[in-house]
């Protein structure tokens, strides 16, 4: 069994538990990925990221399934949050885009995508950048997303966001700042494998949001 087939087998077992027996291959069957479906899933994900960057709440809600759930991070302090259904998701999205000057850009790339004609899984990692009026907030993230093929196209059934590193803030000049907006002396942002972090004198350091 190849690595892709083993990953597909695990995906199928997960899908059967989440969606019932119709969610994946039967017991003992060899998983067969679908290259065209994988391209569709990658494109579907890219379109979602564009919608986030323009704050298009209605588009985002239209991409999720009726029985959607997600494990997200609270925008203010990064705490974990479980969201079920479209209306709860709408409430959450308004905290990401509270004003017309706010925007969110995801410099996230798919590290792995696998799909059948009806089911797809994407693993991602990278940085989410929320631009406010006077600063930017960075949240390095890992993410996994599960999509199902519905009558009207692909829909997100579930995604799971988790921290890939401490949250940090920079001013509009790109300098790391603390929670009071003061520049952190000697601090700079370094990016490794798409994930950003703040370094002060060679050490990972400040600028993170408070964990009250």
C-alpha atoms as a PDB file:
ATOM      1  CA  UNK A   1       0.000   0.000   0.000  1.00  0.00           C
ATOM      2  CA  UNK A   2       1.422   3.381  -1.027  1.00  0.00           C
ATOM      3  CA  UNK A   3       1.560   6.419   1.266  1.00  0.00           C
ATOM      4  CA  UNK A   4      -1.292   8.040  -0.663  1.00  0.00           C
ATOM      5  CA  UNK A   5      -3.410   4.885  -0.437  1.00  0.00           C
ATOM      6  CA  UNK A   6      -2.750   4.626   3.292  1.00  0.00           C
ATOM      7  CA  UNK A   7      -3.711   8.270   3.772  1.00  0.00           C
ATOM      8  CA  UNK A   8      -6.834   7.596   1.723  1.00  0.00           C
ATOM      9  CA  UNK A   9      -7.655   4.549   3.839  1.00  0.00           C
ATOM     10  CA  UNK A  10      -7.426   6.673   6.992  1.00  0.00           C
ATOM     11  CA  UNK A  11      -9.596   9.331   5.346  1.00  0.00           C
ATOM     12  CA  UNK A  12     -12.191   6.717   4.416  1.00  0.00           C
ATOM     13  CA  UNK A  13     -12.300   5.334   7.946  1.00  0.00           C
ATOM     14  CA  UNK A  14     -12.675   8.841   9.344  1.00  0.00           C
ATOM     15  CA  UNK A  15     -15.421   9.660   6.850  1.00  0.00           C
ATOM     16  CA  UNK A  16     -17.385   6.506   7.684  1.00  0.00           C
ATOM     17  CA  UNK A  17     -17.362   7.516  11.332  1.00  0.00           C
ATOM     18  CA  UNK A  18     -18.360  11.104  10.546  1.00  0.00           C
ATOM     19  CA  UNK A  19     -20.805  10.632   7.692  1.00  0.00           C
ATOM     20  CA  UNK A  20     -21.890   7.005   7.921  1.00  0.00           C
ATOM     21  CA  UNK A  21     -21.094   4.073   5.662  1.00  0.00           C
ATOM     22  CA  UNK A  22     -21.725   6.102   2.502  1.00  0.00           C
ATOM     23  CA  UNK A  23     -18.856   8.474   3.331  1.00  0.00           C
ATOM     24  CA  UNK A  24     -15.962   6.389   2.017  1.00  0.00           C
ATOM     25  CA  UNK A  25     -14.695   3.084   0.722  1.00  0.00           C
ATOM     26  CA  UNK A  26     -15.950  -0.142   2.234  1.00  0.00           C
ATOM     27  CA  UNK A  27     -13.890  -2.220   4.644  1.00  0.00           C
ATOM     28  CA  UNK A  28     -11.038  -3.934   2.833  1.00  0.00           C
ATOM     29  CA  UNK A  29     -11.360  -1.877  -0.345  1.00  0.00           C
ATOM     30  CA  UNK A  30      -8.301  -0.130  -1.792  1.00  0.00           C
ATOM     31  CA  UNK A  31      -8.655   3.631  -1.790  1.00  0.00           C
ATOM     32  CA  UNK A  32      -8.412   5.186  -5.254  1.00  0.00           C
ATOM     33  CA  UNK A  33      -7.782   8.917  -5.444  1.00  0.00           C
ATOM     34  CA  UNK A  34      -9.268  11.053  -8.220  1.00  0.00           C
ATOM     35  CA  UNK A  35      -6.829  13.558  -9.738  1.00  0.00           C
ATOM     36  CA  UNK A  36      -9.557  15.774 -11.202  1.00  0.00           C
ATOM     37  CA  UNK A  37     -11.370  15.930  -7.860  1.00  0.00           C
ATOM     38  CA  UNK A  38      -8.121  16.843  -6.097  1.00  0.00           C
ATOM     39  CA  UNK A  39      -7.659  19.793  -8.464  1.00  0.00           C
ATOM     40  CA  UNK A  40     -11.259  20.844  -7.800  1.00  0.00           C
ATOM     41  CA  UNK A  41     -10.655  20.724  -4.041  1.00  0.00           C
ATOM     42  CA  UNK A  42      -7.498  22.836  -4.316  1.00  0.00           C
ATOM     43  CA  UNK A  43      -9.388  25.390  -6.412  1.00  0.00           C
ATOM     44  CA  UNK A  44     -12.315  25.344  -3.992  1.00  0.00           C
ATOM     45  CA  UNK A  45      -9.911  26.093  -1.148  1.00  0.00           C
ATOM     46  CA  UNK A  46      -8.214  28.904  -3.089  1.00  0.00           C
ATOM     47  CA  UNK A  47     -11.611  30.509  -3.779  1.00  0.00           C
ATOM     48  CA  UNK A  48     -12.435  30.322  -0.060  1.00  0.00           C
ATOM     49  CA  UNK A  49      -9.210  32.125   0.815  1.00  0.00           C
ATOM     50  CA  UNK A  50     -10.003  34.876  -1.697  1.00  0.00           C
ATOM     51  CA  UNK A  51     -13.449  35.266  -0.119  1.00  0.00           C
ATOM     52  CA  UNK A  52     -11.828  35.653   3.298  1.00  0.00           C
ATOM     53  CA  UNK A  53      -9.470  38.306   1.938  1.00  0.00           C
ATOM     54  CA  UNK A  54     -12.386  40.420   0.700  1.00  0.00           C
ATOM     55  CA  UNK A  55     -14.578  39.744   3.756  1.00  0.00           C
ATOM     56  CA  UNK A  56     -17.321  38.119   1.657  1.00  0.00           C
ATOM     57  CA  UNK A  57     -19.411  36.550   4.420  1.00  0.00           C
ATOM     58  CA  UNK A  58     -22.262  35.443   2.139  1.00  0.00           C
ATOM     59  CA  UNK A  59     -19.894  33.616  -0.216  1.00  0.00           C
ATOM     60  CA  UNK A  60     -18.183  31.846   2.679  1.00  0.00           C
ATOM     61  CA  UNK A  61     -21.519  30.727   4.133  1.00  0.00           C
ATOM     62  CA  UNK A  62     -22.623  29.412   0.740  1.00  0.00           C
ATOM     63  CA  UNK A  63     -19.600  27.084   0.617  1.00  0.00           C
ATOM     64  CA  UNK A  64     -20.455  25.208   3.817  1.00  0.00           C
ATOM     65  CA  UNK A  65     -22.769  22.224   4.245  1.00  0.00           C
ATOM     66  CA  UNK A  66     -25.988  22.391   6.268  1.00  0.00           C
ATOM     67  CA  UNK A  67     -24.485  20.157   8.977  1.00  0.00           C
ATOM     68  CA  UNK A  68     -21.170  22.015   9.001  1.00  0.00           C
ATOM     69  CA  UNK A  69     -18.957  22.195  12.087  1.00  0.00           C
ATOM     70  CA  UNK A  70     -15.588  23.848  12.592  1.00  0.00           C
ATOM     71  CA  UNK A  71     -12.954  24.212  15.279  1.00  0.00           C
ATOM     72  CA  UNK A  72     -11.777  27.811  14.978  1.00  0.00           C
ATOM     73  CA  UNK A  73      -9.768  30.349  16.962  1.00  0.00           C
ATOM     74  CA  UNK A  74     -11.350  33.430  18.567  1.00  0.00           C
ATOM     75  CA  UNK A  75     -10.152  36.515  16.686  1.00  0.00           C
ATOM     76  CA  UNK A  76      -9.445  38.580  19.822  1.00  0.00           C
ATOM     77  CA  UNK A  77      -7.323  36.182  21.867  1.00  0.00           C
ATOM     78  CA  UNK A  78      -6.834  33.028  19.800  1.00  0.00           C
ATOM     79  CA  UNK A  79      -8.752  30.747  22.140  1.00  0.00           C
ATOM     80  CA  UNK A  80     -10.304  27.606  20.616  1.00  0.00           C
ATOM     81  CA  UNK A  81     -13.932  27.796  19.547  1.00  0.00           C
ATOM     82  CA  UNK A  82     -16.412  25.245  18.180  1.00  0.00           C
ATOM     83  CA  UNK A  83     -18.910  26.527  15.621  1.00  0.00           C
ATOM     84  CA  UNK A  84     -21.923  24.622  14.305  1.00  0.00           C
ATOM     85  CA  UNK A  85     -24.134  25.740  11.442  1.00  0.00           C
ATOM     86  CA  UNK A  86     -24.302  28.753   9.161  1.00  0.00           C
ATOM     87  CA  UNK A  87     -25.797  31.311  11.543  1.00  0.00           C
ATOM     88  CA  UNK A  88     -23.178  30.683  14.214  1.00  0.00           C
ATOM     89  CA  UNK A  89     -20.552  30.931  11.501  1.00  0.00           C
ATOM     90  CA  UNK A  90     -21.997  34.269  10.364  1.00  0.00           C
ATOM     91  CA  UNK A  91     -21.711  35.612  13.923  1.00  0.00           C
ATOM     92  CA  UNK A  92     -18.091  34.471  14.083  1.00  0.00           C
ATOM     93  CA  UNK A  93     -17.204  36.051  10.739  1.00  0.00           C
ATOM     94  CA  UNK A  94     -18.511  39.437  11.891  1.00  0.00           C
ATOM     95  CA  UNK A  95     -15.811  39.365  14.593  1.00  0.00           C
ATOM     96  CA  UNK A  96     -13.177  38.923  11.869  1.00  0.00           C
ATOM     97  CA  UNK A  97     -14.523  41.748   9.699  1.00  0.00           C
ATOM     98  CA  UNK A  98     -16.077  44.278  12.129  1.00  0.00           C
ATOM     99  CA  UNK A  99     -15.439  47.322   9.896  1.00  0.00           C
ATOM    100  CA  UNK A 100     -15.005  48.040   6.210  1.00  0.00           C
ATOM    101  CA  UNK A 101     -11.306  48.810   6.784  1.00  0.00           C
ATOM    102  CA  UNK A 102     -10.543  45.342   8.189  1.00  0.00           C
ATOM    103  CA  UNK A 103      -9.406  42.527   5.951  1.00  0.00           C
ATOM    104  CA  UNK A 104      -7.970  39.048   6.279  1.00  0.00           C
ATOM    105  CA  UNK A 105      -5.346  37.542   4.004  1.00  0.00           C
ATOM    106  CA  UNK A 106      -4.254  33.929   4.238  1.00  0.00           C
ATOM    107  CA  UNK A 107      -0.746  33.120   3.072  1.00  0.00           C
ATOM    108  CA  UNK A 108      -1.656  29.476   3.490  1.00  0.00           C
ATOM    109  CA  UNK A 109      -0.738  26.647   1.149  1.00  0.00           C
ATOM    110  CA  UNK A 110      -2.079  23.129   0.880  1.00  0.00           C
ATOM    111  CA  UNK A 111       0.579  20.646   1.966  1.00  0.00           C
ATOM    112  CA  UNK A 112      -1.578  17.669   1.019  1.00  0.00           C
ATOM    113  CA  UNK A 113      -4.827  17.180  -0.893  1.00  0.00           C
ATOM    114  CA  UNK A 114      -6.580  13.924  -1.610  1.00  0.00           C
ATOM    115  CA  UNK A 115     -10.058  13.268  -2.951  1.00  0.00           C
ATOM    116  CA  UNK A 116     -12.531  10.879  -4.467  1.00  0.00           C
ATOM    117  CA  UNK A 117     -15.407  12.028  -6.659  1.00  0.00           C
ATOM    118  CA  UNK A 118     -17.486  12.741  -3.527  1.00  0.00           C
ATOM    119  CA  UNK A 119     -15.074  13.389  -0.659  1.00  0.00           C
ATOM    120  CA  UNK A 120     -11.930  15.483  -0.246  1.00  0.00           C
ATOM    121  CA  UNK A 121      -9.425  16.309   2.476  1.00  0.00           C
ATOM    122  CA  UNK A 122      -6.891  19.143   2.492  1.00  0.00           C
ATOM    123  CA  UNK A 123      -4.090  19.773   4.982  1.00  0.00           C
ATOM    124  CA  UNK A 124      -2.754  23.342   5.104  1.00  0.00           C
ATOM    125  CA  UNK A 125      -0.239  25.471   6.931  1.00  0.00           C
ATOM    126  CA  UNK A 126       0.780  29.107   6.812  1.00  0.00           C
ATOM    127  CA  UNK A 127      -0.156  32.517   8.177  1.00  0.00           C
ATOM    128  CA  UNK A 128      -3.432  34.394   8.583  1.00  0.00           C
ATOM    129  CA  UNK A 129      -2.952  38.173   8.512  1.00  0.00           C
ATOM    130  CA  UNK A 130      -5.756  40.408   9.766  1.00  0.00           C
ATOM    131  CA  UNK A 131      -5.263  44.046   8.795  1.00  0.00           C
ATOM    132  CA  UNK A 132      -6.746  46.621  11.174  1.00  0.00           C
ATOM    133  CA  UNK A 133      -6.747  50.421  10.808  1.00  0.00           C
ATOM    134  CA  UNK A 134      -3.328  50.885  12.445  1.00  0.00           C
ATOM    135  CA  UNK A 135      -1.694  47.443  12.644  1.00  0.00           C
ATOM    136  CA  UNK A 136      -1.669  43.862  11.400  1.00  0.00           C
ATOM    137  CA  UNK A 137      -2.206  40.712  13.434  1.00  0.00           C
ATOM    138  CA  UNK A 138      -0.464  37.497  12.413  1.00  0.00           C
ATOM    139  CA  UNK A 139      -1.656  34.044  13.453  1.00  0.00           C
ATOM    140  CA  UNK A 140       0.456  31.134  12.165  1.00  0.00           C
ATOM    141  CA  UNK A 141      -1.893  28.199  11.607  1.00  0.00           C
ATOM    142  CA  UNK A 142      -2.234  24.541  10.787  1.00  0.00           C
ATOM    143  CA  UNK A 143      -5.534  23.475   9.260  1.00  0.00           C
ATOM    144  CA  UNK A 144      -7.372  20.423   7.948  1.00  0.00           C
ATOM    145  CA  UNK A 145     -10.556  20.691   5.899  1.00  0.00           C
ATOM    146  CA  UNK A 146     -13.058  18.052   4.785  1.00  0.00           C
ATOM    147  CA  UNK A 147     -15.322  18.661   1.779  1.00  0.00           C
ATOM    148  CA  UNK A 148     -18.227  16.626   0.409  1.00  0.00           C
ATOM    149  CA  UNK A 149     -19.734  16.733  -3.077  1.00  0.00           C
ATOM    150  CA  UNK A 150     -23.353  17.910  -2.926  1.00  0.00           C
ATOM    151  CA  UNK A 151     -25.928  18.294  -5.686  1.00  0.00           C
ATOM    152  CA  UNK A 152     -24.812  21.898  -6.227  1.00  0.00           C
ATOM    153  CA  UNK A 153     -21.077  21.253  -5.987  1.00  0.00           C
ATOM    154  CA  UNK A 154     -18.444  20.926  -3.287  1.00  0.00           C
ATOM    155  CA  UNK A 155     -19.316  21.979   0.263  1.00  0.00           C
ATOM    156  CA  UNK A 156     -17.137  22.193   3.349  1.00  0.00           C
ATOM    157  CA  UNK A 157     -18.354  19.685   5.946  1.00  0.00           C
ATOM    158  CA  UNK A 158     -15.726  20.464   8.568  1.00  0.00           C
ATOM    159  CA  UNK A 159     -12.462  22.298   9.096  1.00  0.00           C
ATOM    160  CA  UNK A 160     -10.128  22.455  12.044  1.00  0.00           C
ATOM    161  CA  UNK A 161      -7.789  25.365  12.757  1.00  0.00           C
ATOM    162  CA  UNK A 162      -4.977  25.188  15.306  1.00  0.00           C
ATOM    163  CA  UNK A 163      -2.018  27.370  16.221  1.00  0.00           C
ATOM    164  CA  UNK A 164       1.274  26.756  14.446  1.00  0.00           C
ATOM    165  CA  UNK A 165       3.017  29.402  16.556  1.00  0.00           C
ATOM    166  CA  UNK A 166       2.369  32.398  18.840  1.00  0.00           C
ATOM    167  CA  UNK A 167       0.191  35.221  17.566  1.00  0.00           C
ATOM    168  CA  UNK A 168       2.022  38.517  16.994  1.00  0.00           C
ATOM    169  CA  UNK A 169       1.325  42.057  15.822  1.00  0.00           C
ATOM    170  CA  UNK A 170       3.194  44.470  13.571  1.00  0.00           C
ATOM    171  CA  UNK A 171       2.618  48.131  12.775  1.00  0.00           C
ATOM    172  CA  UNK A 172       1.917  49.250   9.231  1.00  0.00           C
ATOM    173  CA  UNK A 173       5.679  49.543   8.707  1.00  0.00           C
ATOM    174  CA  UNK A 174       6.123  45.848   9.504  1.00  0.00           C
ATOM    175  CA  UNK A 175       7.801  46.377  12.899  1.00  0.00           C
ATOM    176  CA  UNK A 176       6.737  44.011  15.711  1.00  0.00           C
ATOM    177  CA  UNK A 177       4.705  45.800  18.394  1.00  0.00           C
ATOM    178  CA  UNK A 178       3.423  44.887  21.842  1.00  0.00           C
ATOM    179  CA  UNK A 179      -0.238  44.825  22.912  1.00  0.00           C
ATOM    180  CA  UNK A 180      -0.131  48.582  23.568  1.00  0.00           C
ATOM    181  CA  UNK A 181       1.144  49.369  20.077  1.00  0.00           C
ATOM    182  CA  UNK A 182       4.732  50.105  21.121  1.00  0.00           C
ATOM    183  CA  UNK A 183       7.568  48.941  18.870  1.00  0.00           C
ATOM    184  CA  UNK A 184       9.510  46.073  20.465  1.00  0.00           C
ATOM    185  CA  UNK A 185      13.209  47.094  20.505  1.00  0.00           C
ATOM    186  CA  UNK A 186      15.438  44.833  18.430  1.00  0.00           C
ATOM    187  CA  UNK A 187      12.522  42.697  17.226  1.00  0.00           C
ATOM    188  CA  UNK A 188      12.004  41.475  13.687  1.00  0.00           C
ATOM    189  CA  UNK A 189       9.760  39.030  11.882  1.00  0.00           C
ATOM    190  CA  UNK A 190      11.285  35.948  10.293  1.00  0.00           C
ATOM    191  CA  UNK A 191       9.419  33.542   8.032  1.00  0.00           C
ATOM    192  CA  UNK A 192      10.340  29.869   7.781  1.00  0.00           C
ATOM    193  CA  UNK A 193       8.377  27.432   5.612  1.00  0.00           C
ATOM    194  CA  UNK A 194       5.554  29.955   5.324  1.00  0.00           C
ATOM    195  CA  UNK A 195       5.221  30.435   9.103  1.00  0.00           C
ATOM    196  CA  UNK A 196       6.117  33.788  10.648  1.00  0.00           C
ATOM    197  CA  UNK A 197       7.455  34.483  14.137  1.00  0.00           C
ATOM    198  CA  UNK A 198       8.994  37.362  16.069  1.00  0.00           C
ATOM    199  CA  UNK A 199      12.660  37.139  17.020  1.00  0.00           C
ATOM    200  CA  UNK A 200      14.324  39.426  19.569  1.00  0.00           C
ATOM    201  CA  UNK A 201      18.125  39.085  19.812  1.00  0.00           C
ATOM    202  CA  UNK A 202      17.908  35.592  18.343  1.00  0.00           C
ATOM    203  CA  UNK A 203      15.052  34.482  20.596  1.00  0.00           C
ATOM    204  CA  UNK A 204      11.382  33.997  19.752  1.00  0.00           C
ATOM    205  CA  UNK A 205       9.499  36.689  21.629  1.00  0.00           C
ATOM    206  CA  UNK A 206       6.770  39.243  22.270  1.00  0.00           C
ATOM    207  CA  UNK A 207       3.991  40.835  20.336  1.00  0.00           C
ATOM    208  CA  UNK A 208       1.434  38.123  20.997  1.00  0.00           C
ATOM    209  CA  UNK A 209      -2.137  38.850  21.948  1.00  0.00           C
ATOM    210  CA  UNK A 210      -2.888  38.556  25.673  1.00  0.00           C
ATOM    211  CA  UNK A 211      -4.270  35.246  26.952  1.00  0.00           C
ATOM    212  CA  UNK A 212      -6.585  36.595  29.618  1.00  0.00           C
END
